[in-house]
Amino acid sequence: VFFTFVDFPLNAPALDGSMIARCMPDARYFPFLSMLFSTQESWAFDQNYRDLLRQNARLAGMGDDDFDRCLADEGLKQALVETMQAKQQAHGINSTPSFV
């Protein structure tokens, strides 16, 4: 079995969360994702999700300047969306989690 994790953000909070995770140092990437998934109900569906996401990023060691710079990175945003669309088309994925 070979597992590959692919970001599949279906809405703005998920996209922002994916971007922040990708801006974390490698050693913090999966721990941060784990925290996002375990606390998803408390931030991802809130109108102020960015404030809550910022707070989570602070807890993981990311400063406000890095947080803002990360979310302003249009190249990263485009890469995540293009990868998601390519995987969606190649494998017929339309929900998460999915397994191929």
PDB file of N, CA and C in Angstrom:
ATOM      1  N   VAL A   1       0.842  -1.161   0.000  1.00  0.00           N
ATOM      2  CA  VAL A   1       0.000   0.000   0.000  1.00  0.00           C
ATOM      3  C   VAL A   1       0.893   1.231   0.000  1.00  0.00           C
ATOM      4  N   PHE A   2       0.505   2.195  -0.800  1.00  0.00           N
ATOM      5  CA  PHE A   2       1.244   3.453  -0.879  1.00  0.00           C
ATOM      6  C   PHE A   2       0.244   4.575  -0.698  1.00  0.00           C
ATOM      7  N   PHE A   3       0.476   5.391   0.312  1.00  0.00           N
ATOM      8  CA  PHE A   3      -0.410   6.516   0.577  1.00  0.00           C
ATOM      9  C   PHE A   3       0.220   7.807   0.082  1.00  0.00           C
ATOM     10  N   THR A   4      -0.580   8.606  -0.597  1.00  0.00           N
ATOM     11  CA  THR A   4      -0.172   9.936  -1.013  1.00  0.00           C
ATOM     12  C   THR A   4      -1.241  10.899  -0.534  1.00  0.00           C
ATOM     13  N   PHE A   5      -0.822  11.904   0.208  1.00  0.00           N
ATOM     14  CA  PHE A   5      -1.770  12.902   0.669  1.00  0.00           C
ATOM     15  C   PHE A   5      -1.825  14.006  -0.367  1.00  0.00           C
ATOM     16  N   VAL A   6      -3.036  14.333  -0.809  1.00  0.00           N
ATOM     17  CA  VAL A   6      -3.248  15.407  -1.769  1.00  0.00           C
ATOM     18  C   VAL A   6      -4.254  16.379  -1.166  1.00  0.00           C
ATOM     19  N   ASP A   7      -3.900  17.652  -1.143  1.00  0.00           N
ATOM     20  CA  ASP A   7      -4.845  18.663  -0.675  1.00  0.00           C
ATOM     21  C   ASP A   7      -6.046  18.670  -1.622  1.00  0.00           C
ATOM     22  N   PHE A   8      -7.238  18.754  -1.043  1.00  0.00           N
ATOM     23  CA  PHE A   8      -8.464  18.765  -1.846  1.00  0.00           C
ATOM     24  C   PHE A   8      -9.441  19.759  -1.226  1.00  0.00           C
ATOM     25  N   PRO A   9      -9.070  21.040  -1.259  1.00  0.00           N
ATOM     26  CA  PRO A   9      -9.902  22.053  -0.608  1.00  0.00           C
ATOM     27  C   PRO A   9     -11.170  22.343  -1.409  1.00  0.00           C
ATOM     28  N   LEU A  10     -12.311  22.064  -0.804  1.00  0.00           N
ATOM     29  CA  LEU A  10     -13.590  22.233  -1.487  1.00  0.00           C
ATOM     30  C   LEU A  10     -14.255  23.579  -1.218  1.00  0.00           C
ATOM     31  N   ASN A  11     -13.650  24.391  -0.342  1.00  0.00           N
ATOM     32  CA  ASN A  11     -14.205  25.710  -0.057  1.00  0.00           C
ATOM     33  C   ASN A  11     -13.083  26.629   0.427  1.00  0.00           C
ATOM     34  N   ALA A  12     -13.414  27.884   0.667  1.00  0.00           N
ATOM     35  CA  ALA A  12     -12.400  28.878   1.048  1.00  0.00           C
ATOM     36  C   ALA A  12     -11.697  28.537   2.366  1.00  0.00           C
ATOM     37  N   PRO A  13     -12.407  28.123   3.420  1.00  0.00           N
ATOM     38  CA  PRO A  13     -11.691  27.769   4.643  1.00  0.00           C
ATOM     39  C   PRO A  13     -10.708  26.609   4.438  1.00  0.00           C
ATOM     40  N   ALA A  14     -11.115  25.618   3.677  1.00  0.00           N
ATOM     41  CA  ALA A  14     -10.223  24.486   3.415  1.00  0.00           C
ATOM     42  C   ALA A  14      -9.014  24.916   2.597  1.00  0.00           C
ATOM     43  N   LEU A  15      -9.221  25.788   1.622  1.00  0.00           N
ATOM     44  CA  LEU A  15      -8.108  26.280   0.814  1.00  0.00           C
ATOM     45  C   LEU A  15      -7.129  27.064   1.679  1.00  0.00           C
ATOM     46  N   ASP A  16      -7.647  27.944   2.517  1.00  0.00           N
ATOM     47  CA  ASP A  16      -6.773  28.712   3.402  1.00  0.00           C
ATOM     48  C   ASP A  16      -6.028  27.798   4.364  1.00  0.00           C
ATOM     49  N   GLY A  17      -6.720  26.809   4.915  1.00  0.00           N
ATOM     50  CA  GLY A  17      -6.059  25.852   5.808  1.00  0.00           C
ATOM     51  C   GLY A  17      -4.963  25.082   5.107  1.00  0.00           C
ATOM     52  N   SER A  18      -5.225  24.666   3.873  1.00  0.00           N
ATOM     53  CA  SER A  18      -4.207  23.950   3.080  1.00  0.00           C
ATOM     54  C   SER A  18      -3.002  24.838   2.811  1.00  0.00           C
ATOM     55  N   MET A  19      -3.277  26.089   2.494  1.00  0.00           N
ATOM     56  CA  MET A  19      -2.175  27.018   2.218  1.00  0.00           C
ATOM     57  C   MET A  19      -1.319  27.223   3.461  1.00  0.00           C
ATOM     58  N   ILE A  20      -1.955  27.450   4.606  1.00  0.00           N
ATOM     59  CA  ILE A  20      -1.194  27.660   5.836  1.00  0.00           C
ATOM     60  C   ILE A  20      -0.380  26.410   6.172  1.00  0.00           C
ATOM     61  N   ALA A  21      -0.973  25.248   6.017  1.00  0.00           N
ATOM     62  CA  ALA A  21      -0.229  24.003   6.279  1.00  0.00           C
ATOM     63  C   ALA A  21       0.986  23.902   5.363  1.00  0.00           C
ATOM     64  N   ARG A  22       0.822  24.248   4.098  1.00  0.00           N
ATOM     65  CA  ARG A  22       1.933  24.166   3.145  1.00  0.00           C
ATOM     66  C   ARG A  22       3.026  25.187   3.459  1.00  0.00           C
ATOM     67  N   CYS A  23       2.691  26.251   4.161  1.00  0.00           N
ATOM     68  CA  CYS A  23       3.685  27.256   4.538  1.00  0.00           C
ATOM     69  C   CYS A  23       4.393  26.913   5.843  1.00  0.00           C
ATOM     70  N   MET A  24       3.941  25.887   6.519  1.00  0.00           N
ATOM     71  CA  MET A  24       4.601  25.446   7.753  1.00  0.00           C
ATOM     72  C   MET A  24       5.929  24.769   7.404  1.00  0.00           C
ATOM     73  N   PRO A  25       6.895  24.808   8.315  1.00  0.00           N
ATOM     74  CA  PRO A  25       8.109  24.012   8.108  1.00  0.00           C
ATOM     75  C   PRO A  25       7.730  22.535   7.951  1.00  0.00           C
ATOM     76  N   ASP A  26       8.521  21.792   7.200  1.00  0.00           N
ATOM     77  CA  ASP A  26       8.202  20.382   6.919  1.00  0.00           C
ATOM     78  C   ASP A  26       7.863  19.590   8.172  1.00  0.00           C
ATOM     79  N   ALA A  27       8.609  19.796   9.238  1.00  0.00           N
ATOM     80  CA  ALA A  27       8.391  19.028  10.468  1.00  0.00           C
ATOM     81  C   ALA A  27       7.056  19.352  11.130  1.00  0.00           C
ATOM     82  N   ARG A  28       6.455  20.475  10.798  1.00  0.00           N
ATOM     83  CA  ARG A  28       5.182  20.876  11.408  1.00  0.00           C
ATOM     84  C   ARG A  28       3.982  20.625  10.490  1.00  0.00           C
ATOM     85  N   TYR A  29       4.236  20.227   9.247  1.00  0.00           N
ATOM     86  CA  TYR A  29       3.162  20.080   8.272  1.00  0.00           C
ATOM     87  C   TYR A  29       2.083  19.091   8.738  1.00  0.00           C
ATOM     88  N   PHE A  30       2.462  17.833   8.962  1.00  0.00           N
ATOM     89  CA  PHE A  30       1.459  16.841   9.337  1.00  0.00           C
ATOM     90  C   PHE A  30       0.901  17.073  10.739  1.00  0.00           C
ATOM     91  N   PRO A  31       1.701  17.493  11.726  1.00  0.00           N
ATOM     92  CA  PRO A  31       1.093  17.835  13.013  1.00  0.00           C
ATOM     93  C   PRO A  31       0.067  18.976  12.894  1.00  0.00           C
ATOM     94  N   PHE A  32       0.356  19.969  12.054  1.00  0.00           N
ATOM     95  CA  PHE A  32      -0.598  21.061  11.869  1.00  0.00           C
ATOM     96  C   PHE A  32      -1.869  20.556  11.187  1.00  0.00           C
ATOM     97  N   LEU A  33      -1.718  19.719  10.160  1.00  0.00           N
ATOM     98  CA  LEU A  33      -2.902  19.151   9.505  1.00  0.00           C
ATOM     99  C   LEU A  33      -3.738  18.355  10.491  1.00  0.00           C
ATOM    100  N   SER A  34      -3.074  17.576  11.304  1.00  0.00           N
ATOM    101  CA  SER A  34      -3.778  16.779  12.301  1.00  0.00           C
ATOM    102  C   SER A  34      -4.595  17.676  13.230  1.00  0.00           C
ATOM    103  N   MET A  35      -3.988  18.771  13.663  1.00  0.00           N
ATOM    104  CA  MET A  35      -4.690  19.717  14.519  1.00  0.00           C
ATOM    105  C   MET A  35      -5.875  20.347  13.778  1.00  0.00           C
ATOM    106  N   LEU A  36      -5.682  20.708  12.506  1.00  0.00           N
ATOM    107  CA  LEU A  36      -6.783  21.283  11.737  1.00  0.00           C
ATOM    108  C   LEU A  36      -7.948  20.303  11.614  1.00  0.00           C
ATOM    109  N   PHE A  37      -7.640  19.046  11.313  1.00  0.00           N
ATOM    110  CA  PHE A  37      -8.701  18.051  11.166  1.00  0.00           C
ATOM    111  C   PHE A  37      -9.405  17.790  12.498  1.00  0.00           C
ATOM    112  N   SER A  38      -8.650  17.728  13.586  1.00  0.00           N
ATOM    113  CA  SER A  38      -9.259  17.417  14.880  1.00  0.00           C
ATOM    114  C   SER A  38     -10.086  18.577  15.432  1.00  0.00           C
ATOM    115  N   THR A  39      -9.810  19.791  14.977  1.00  0.00           N
ATOM    116  CA  THR A  39     -10.556  20.964  15.457  1.00  0.00           C
ATOM    117  C   THR A  39     -11.435  21.574  14.364  1.00  0.00           C
ATOM    118  N   GLN A  40     -11.639  20.851  13.297  1.00  0.00           N
ATOM    119  CA  GLN A  40     -12.350  21.360  12.126  1.00  0.00           C
ATOM    120  C   GLN A  40     -13.719  21.942  12.472  1.00  0.00           C
ATOM    121  N   GLU A  41     -14.447  21.305  13.350  1.00  0.00           N
ATOM    122  CA  GLU A  41     -15.794  21.778  13.701  1.00  0.00           C
ATOM    123  C   GLU A  41     -15.771  23.149  14.367  1.00  0.00           C
ATOM    124  N   SER A  42     -14.648  23.507  14.985  1.00  0.00           N
ATOM    125  CA  SER A  42     -14.600  24.772  15.716  1.00  0.00           C
ATOM    126  C   SER A  42     -14.060  25.940  14.899  1.00  0.00           C
ATOM    127  N   TRP A  43     -13.537  25.690  13.700  1.00  0.00           N
ATOM    128  CA  TRP A  43     -13.007  26.808  12.910  1.00  0.00           C
ATOM    129  C   TRP A  43     -13.519  26.825  11.473  1.00  0.00           C
ATOM    130  N   ALA A  44     -13.648  25.688  10.853  1.00  0.00           N
ATOM    131  CA  ALA A  44     -13.895  25.641   9.406  1.00  0.00           C
ATOM    132  C   ALA A  44     -15.290  26.107   8.992  1.00  0.00           C
ATOM    133  N   PHE A  45     -16.228  26.122   9.906  1.00  0.00           N
ATOM    134  CA  PHE A  45     -17.596  26.496   9.551  1.00  0.00           C
ATOM    135  C   PHE A  45     -18.009  27.807  10.219  1.00  0.00           C
ATOM    136  N   ASP A  46     -17.039  28.483  10.789  1.00  0.00           N
ATOM    137  CA  ASP A  46     -17.285  29.745  11.467  1.00  0.00           C
ATOM    138  C   ASP A  46     -17.089  30.897  10.490  1.00  0.00           C
ATOM    139  N   GLN A  47     -17.914  31.930  10.603  1.00  0.00           N
ATOM    140  CA  GLN A  47     -17.784  33.095   9.724  1.00  0.00           C
ATOM    141  C   GLN A  47     -16.405  33.745   9.853  1.00  0.00           C
ATOM    142  N   ASN A  48     -15.843  33.690  11.024  1.00  0.00           N
ATOM    143  CA  ASN A  48     -14.527  34.281  11.282  1.00  0.00           C
ATOM    144  C   ASN A  48     -13.428  33.220  11.226  1.00  0.00           C
ATOM    145  N   TYR A  49     -13.553  32.285  10.288  1.00  0.00           N
ATOM    146  CA  TYR A  49     -12.612  31.170  10.234  1.00  0.00           C
ATOM    147  C   TYR A  49     -11.165  31.625  10.088  1.00  0.00           C
ATOM    148  N   ARG A  50     -10.919  32.735   9.389  1.00  0.00           N
ATOM    149  CA  ARG A  50      -9.530  33.192   9.228  1.00  0.00           C
ATOM    150  C   ARG A  50      -8.913  33.606  10.555  1.00  0.00           C
ATOM    151  N   ASP A  51      -9.679  34.243  11.411  1.00  0.00           N
ATOM    152  CA  ASP A  51      -9.166  34.606  12.730  1.00  0.00           C
ATOM    153  C   ASP A  51      -8.831  33.358  13.535  1.00  0.00           C
ATOM    154  N   LEU A  52      -9.695  32.357  13.448  1.00  0.00           N
ATOM    155  CA  LEU A  52      -9.466  31.109  14.167  1.00  0.00           C
ATOM    156  C   LEU A  52      -8.295  30.342  13.564  1.00  0.00           C
ATOM    157  N   LEU A  53      -8.191  30.364  12.249  1.00  0.00           N
ATOM    158  CA  LEU A  53      -7.062  29.724  11.580  1.00  0.00           C
ATOM    159  C   LEU A  53      -5.756  30.417  11.957  1.00  0.00           C
ATOM    160  N   ARG A  54      -5.784  31.734  12.037  1.00  0.00           N
ATOM    161  CA  ARG A  54      -4.605  32.495  12.457  1.00  0.00           C
ATOM    162  C   ARG A  54      -4.186  32.076  13.871  1.00  0.00           C
ATOM    163  N   GLN A  55      -5.164  31.937  14.746  1.00  0.00           N
ATOM    164  CA  GLN A  55      -4.880  31.531  16.115  1.00  0.00           C
ATOM    165  C   GLN A  55      -4.239  30.137  16.144  1.00  0.00           C
ATOM    166  N   ASN A  56      -4.771  29.223  15.334  1.00  0.00           N
ATOM    167  CA  ASN A  56      -4.185  27.876  15.250  1.00  0.00           C
ATOM    168  C   ASN A  56      -2.766  27.930  14.702  1.00  0.00           C
ATOM    169  N   ALA A  57      -2.548  28.777  13.716  1.00  0.00           N
ATOM    170  CA  ALA A  57      -1.204  28.910  13.141  1.00  0.00           C
ATOM    171  C   ALA A  57      -0.231  29.472  14.175  1.00  0.00           C
ATOM    172  N   ARG A  58      -0.689  30.412  14.972  1.00  0.00           N
ATOM    173  CA  ARG A  58       0.159  30.960  16.051  1.00  0.00           C
ATOM    174  C   ARG A  58       0.564  29.856  17.017  1.00  0.00           C
ATOM    175  N   LEU A  59      -0.400  29.003  17.378  1.00  0.00           N
ATOM    176  CA  LEU A  59      -0.107  27.900  18.282  1.00  0.00           C
ATOM    177  C   LEU A  59       0.939  26.951  17.696  1.00  0.00           C
ATOM    178  N   ALA A  60       0.991  26.884  16.376  1.00  0.00           N
ATOM    179  CA  ALA A  60       1.969  26.023  15.695  1.00  0.00           C
ATOM    180  C   ALA A  60       3.282  26.756  15.418  1.00  0.00           C
ATOM    181  N   GLY A  61       3.366  28.024  15.852  1.00  0.00           N
ATOM    182  CA  GLY A  61       4.620  28.755  15.725  1.00  0.00           C
ATOM    183  C   GLY A  61       4.716  29.704  14.554  1.00  0.00           C
ATOM    184  N   MET A  62       3.632  29.939  13.843  1.00  0.00           N
ATOM    185  CA  MET A  62       3.658  30.847  12.698  1.00  0.00           C
ATOM    186  C   MET A  62       3.244  32.251  13.141  1.00  0.00           C
ATOM    187  N   GLY A  63       4.039  33.238  12.809  1.00  0.00           N
ATOM    188  CA  GLY A  63       3.717  34.621  13.137  1.00  0.00           C
ATOM    189  C   GLY A  63       2.708  35.221  12.182  1.00  0.00           C
ATOM    190  N   ASP A  64       2.155  36.358  12.573  1.00  0.00           N
ATOM    191  CA  ASP A  64       1.138  37.021  11.760  1.00  0.00           C
ATOM    192  C   ASP A  64       1.644  37.427  10.381  1.00  0.00           C
ATOM    193  N   ASP A  65       2.881  37.923  10.300  1.00  0.00           N
ATOM    194  CA  ASP A  65       3.424  38.322   8.997  1.00  0.00           C
ATOM    195  C   ASP A  65       3.531  37.132   8.052  1.00  0.00           C
ATOM    196  N   ASP A  66       4.011  36.003   8.565  1.00  0.00           N
ATOM    197  CA  ASP A  66       4.121  34.800   7.732  1.00  0.00           C
ATOM    198  C   ASP A  66       2.738  34.290   7.335  1.00  0.00           C
ATOM    199  N   PHE A  67       1.787  34.385   8.246  1.00  0.00           N
ATOM    200  CA  PHE A  67       0.412  33.971   7.962  1.00  0.00           C
ATOM    201  C   PHE A  67      -0.157  34.797   6.807  1.00  0.00           C
ATOM    202  N   ASP A  68      -0.035  36.119   6.918  1.00  0.00           N
ATOM    203  CA  ASP A  68      -0.557  37.008   5.872  1.00  0.00           C
ATOM    204  C   ASP A  68       0.156  36.796   4.543  1.00  0.00           C
ATOM    205  N   ARG A  69       1.463  36.651   4.584  1.00  0.00           N
ATOM    206  CA  ARG A  69       2.253  36.427   3.373  1.00  0.00           C
ATOM    207  C   ARG A  69       1.851  35.113   2.697  1.00  0.00           C
ATOM    208  N   CYS A  70       1.613  34.093   3.500  1.00  0.00           N
ATOM    209  CA  CYS A  70       1.226  32.790   2.961  1.00  0.00           C
ATOM    210  C   CYS A  70      -0.119  32.883   2.235  1.00  0.00           C
ATOM    211  N   LEU A  71      -1.108  33.493   2.873  1.00  0.00           N
ATOM    212  CA  LEU A  71      -2.432  33.583   2.242  1.00  0.00           C
ATOM    213  C   LEU A  71      -2.449  34.508   1.032  1.00  0.00           C
ATOM    214  N   ALA A  72      -1.457  35.365   0.909  1.00  0.00           N
ATOM    215  CA  ALA A  72      -1.365  36.257  -0.252  1.00  0.00           C
ATOM    216  C   ALA A  72      -0.608  35.615  -1.412  1.00  0.00           C
ATOM    217  N   ASP A  73      -0.097  34.409  -1.221  1.00  0.00           N
ATOM    218  CA  ASP A  73       0.718  33.729  -2.238  1.00  0.00           C
ATOM    219  C   ASP A  73      -0.190  33.129  -3.315  1.00  0.00           C
ATOM    220  N   GLU A  74      -0.401  33.884  -4.382  1.00  0.00           N
ATOM    221  CA  GLU A  74      -1.288  33.439  -5.471  1.00  0.00           C
ATOM    222  C   GLU A  74      -0.739  32.210  -6.190  1.00  0.00           C
ATOM    223  N   GLY A  75       0.578  32.076  -6.257  1.00  0.00           N
ATOM    224  CA  GLY A  75       1.173  30.896  -6.890  1.00  0.00           C
ATOM    225  C   GLY A  75       0.839  29.622  -6.136  1.00  0.00           C
ATOM    226  N   LEU A  76       0.931  29.673  -4.817  1.00  0.00           N
ATOM    227  CA  LEU A  76       0.576  28.526  -3.988  1.00  0.00           C
ATOM    228  C   LEU A  76      -0.899  28.198  -4.138  1.00  0.00           C
ATOM    229  N   LYS A  77      -1.740  29.214  -4.094  1.00  0.00           N
ATOM    230  CA  LYS A  77      -3.186  29.011  -4.240  1.00  0.00           C
ATOM    231  C   LYS A  77      -3.503  28.351  -5.581  1.00  0.00           C
ATOM    232  N   GLN A  78      -2.903  28.871  -6.635  1.00  0.00           N
ATOM    233  CA  GLN A  78      -3.131  28.320  -7.973  1.00  0.00           C
ATOM    234  C   GLN A  78      -2.659  26.874  -8.070  1.00  0.00           C
ATOM    235  N   ALA A  79      -1.498  26.578  -7.489  1.00  0.00           N
ATOM    236  CA  ALA A  79      -0.960  25.216  -7.528  1.00  0.00           C
ATOM    237  C   ALA A  79      -1.874  24.242  -6.798  1.00  0.00           C
ATOM    238  N   LEU A  80      -2.386  24.626  -5.651  1.00  0.00           N
ATOM    239  CA  LEU A  80      -3.294  23.746  -4.907  1.00  0.00           C
ATOM    240  C   LEU A  80      -4.575  23.487  -5.686  1.00  0.00           C
ATOM    241  N   VAL A  81      -5.146  24.536  -6.273  1.00  0.00           N
ATOM    242  CA  VAL A  81      -6.388  24.384  -7.030  1.00  0.00           C
ATOM    243  C   VAL A  81      -6.153  23.536  -8.282  1.00  0.00           C
ATOM    244  N   GLU A  82      -5.067  23.777  -8.993  1.00  0.00           N
ATOM    245  CA  GLU A  82      -4.778  23.005 -10.206  1.00  0.00           C
ATOM    246  C   GLU A  82      -4.540  21.536  -9.892  1.00  0.00           C
ATOM    247  N   THR A  83      -3.822  21.257  -8.808  1.00  0.00           N
ATOM    248  CA  THR A  83      -3.583  19.868  -8.408  1.00  0.00           C
ATOM    249  C   THR A  83      -4.895  19.183  -8.058  1.00  0.00           C
ATOM    250  N   MET A  84      -5.752  19.875  -7.306  1.00  0.00           N
ATOM    251  CA  MET A  84      -7.041  19.314  -6.946  1.00  0.00           C
ATOM    252  C   MET A  84      -7.872  19.006  -8.199  1.00  0.00           C
ATOM    253  N   GLN A  85      -7.903  19.945  -9.127  1.00  0.00           N
ATOM    254  CA  GLN A  85      -8.682  19.748 -10.353  1.00  0.00           C
ATOM    255  C   GLN A  85      -8.131  18.594 -11.180  1.00  0.00           C
ATOM    256  N   ALA A  86      -6.825  18.473 -11.261  1.00  0.00           N
ATOM    257  CA  ALA A  86      -6.211  17.383 -12.026  1.00  0.00           C
ATOM    258  C   ALA A  86      -6.541  16.025 -11.404  1.00  0.00           C
ATOM    259  N   LYS A  87      -6.452  15.921 -10.096  1.00  0.00           N
ATOM    260  CA  LYS A  87      -6.771  14.656  -9.411  1.00  0.00           C
ATOM    261  C   LYS A  87      -8.260  14.352  -9.523  1.00  0.00           C
ATOM    262  N   GLN A  88      -9.064  15.394  -9.459  1.00  0.00           N
ATOM    263  CA  GLN A  88     -10.510  15.222  -9.586  1.00  0.00           C
ATOM    264  C   GLN A  88     -10.851  14.632 -10.950  1.00  0.00           C
ATOM    265  N   GLN A  89     -10.261  15.173 -11.989  1.00  0.00           N
ATOM    266  CA  GLN A  89     -10.535  14.682 -13.340  1.00  0.00           C
ATOM    267  C   GLN A  89      -9.940  13.299 -13.575  1.00  0.00           C
ATOM    268  N   ALA A  90      -8.731  13.089 -13.104  1.00  0.00           N
ATOM    269  CA  ALA A  90      -8.049  11.816 -13.363  1.00  0.00           C
ATOM    270  C   ALA A  90      -8.713  10.642 -12.643  1.00  0.00           C
ATOM    271  N   HIS A  91      -9.247  10.902 -11.460  1.00  0.00           N
ATOM    272  CA  HIS A  91      -9.751   9.801 -10.644  1.00  0.00           C
ATOM    273  C   HIS A  91     -11.235   9.910 -10.305  1.00  0.00           C
ATOM    274  N   GLY A  92     -11.912  10.918 -10.804  1.00  0.00           N
ATOM    275  CA  GLY A  92     -13.334  11.079 -10.545  1.00  0.00           C
ATOM    276  C   GLY A  92     -13.650  11.370  -9.077  1.00  0.00           C
ATOM    277  N   ILE A  93     -12.768  12.060  -8.412  1.00  0.00           N
ATOM    278  CA  ILE A  93     -12.954  12.371  -6.994  1.00  0.00           C
ATOM    279  C   ILE A  93     -13.832  13.611  -6.867  1.00  0.00           C
ATOM    280  N   ASN A  94     -14.850  13.502  -5.984  1.00  0.00           N
ATOM    281  CA  ASN A  94     -15.709  14.661  -5.765  1.00  0.00           C
ATOM    282  C   ASN A  94     -16.024  14.873  -4.288  1.00  0.00           C
ATOM    283  N   SER A  95     -15.332  14.149  -3.413  1.00  0.00           N
ATOM    284  CA  SER A  95     -15.528  14.334  -1.977  1.00  0.00           C
ATOM    285  C   SER A  95     -14.271  13.873  -1.244  1.00  0.00           C
ATOM    286  N   THR A  96     -14.220  14.236   0.020  1.00  0.00           N
ATOM    287  CA  THR A  96     -13.096  13.807   0.835  1.00  0.00           C
ATOM    288  C   THR A  96     -13.618  13.117   2.088  1.00  0.00           C
ATOM    289  N   PRO A  97     -12.887  12.136   2.598  1.00  0.00           N
ATOM    290  CA  PRO A  97     -11.699  11.568   1.989  1.00  0.00           C
ATOM    291  C   PRO A  97     -12.084  10.658   0.829  1.00  0.00           C
ATOM    292  N   SER A  98     -11.156  10.423  -0.057  1.00  0.00           N
ATOM    293  CA  SER A  98     -11.328   9.502  -1.177  1.00  0.00           C
ATOM    294  C   SER A  98     -10.092   8.629  -1.282  1.00  0.00           C
ATOM    295  N   PHE A  99     -10.292   7.450  -1.785  1.00  0.00           N
ATOM    296  CA  PHE A  99      -9.188   6.504  -1.959  1.00  0.00           C
ATOM    297  C   PHE A  99      -9.232   5.959  -3.372  1.00  0.00           C
ATOM    298  N   VAL A 100      -8.076   5.869  -3.985  1.00  0.00           N
ATOM    299  CA  VAL A 100      -7.988   5.368  -5.351  1.00  0.00           C
ATOM    300  C   VAL A 100      -7.169   4.083  -5.326  1.00  0.00           C
TER     301      VAL A 100
END
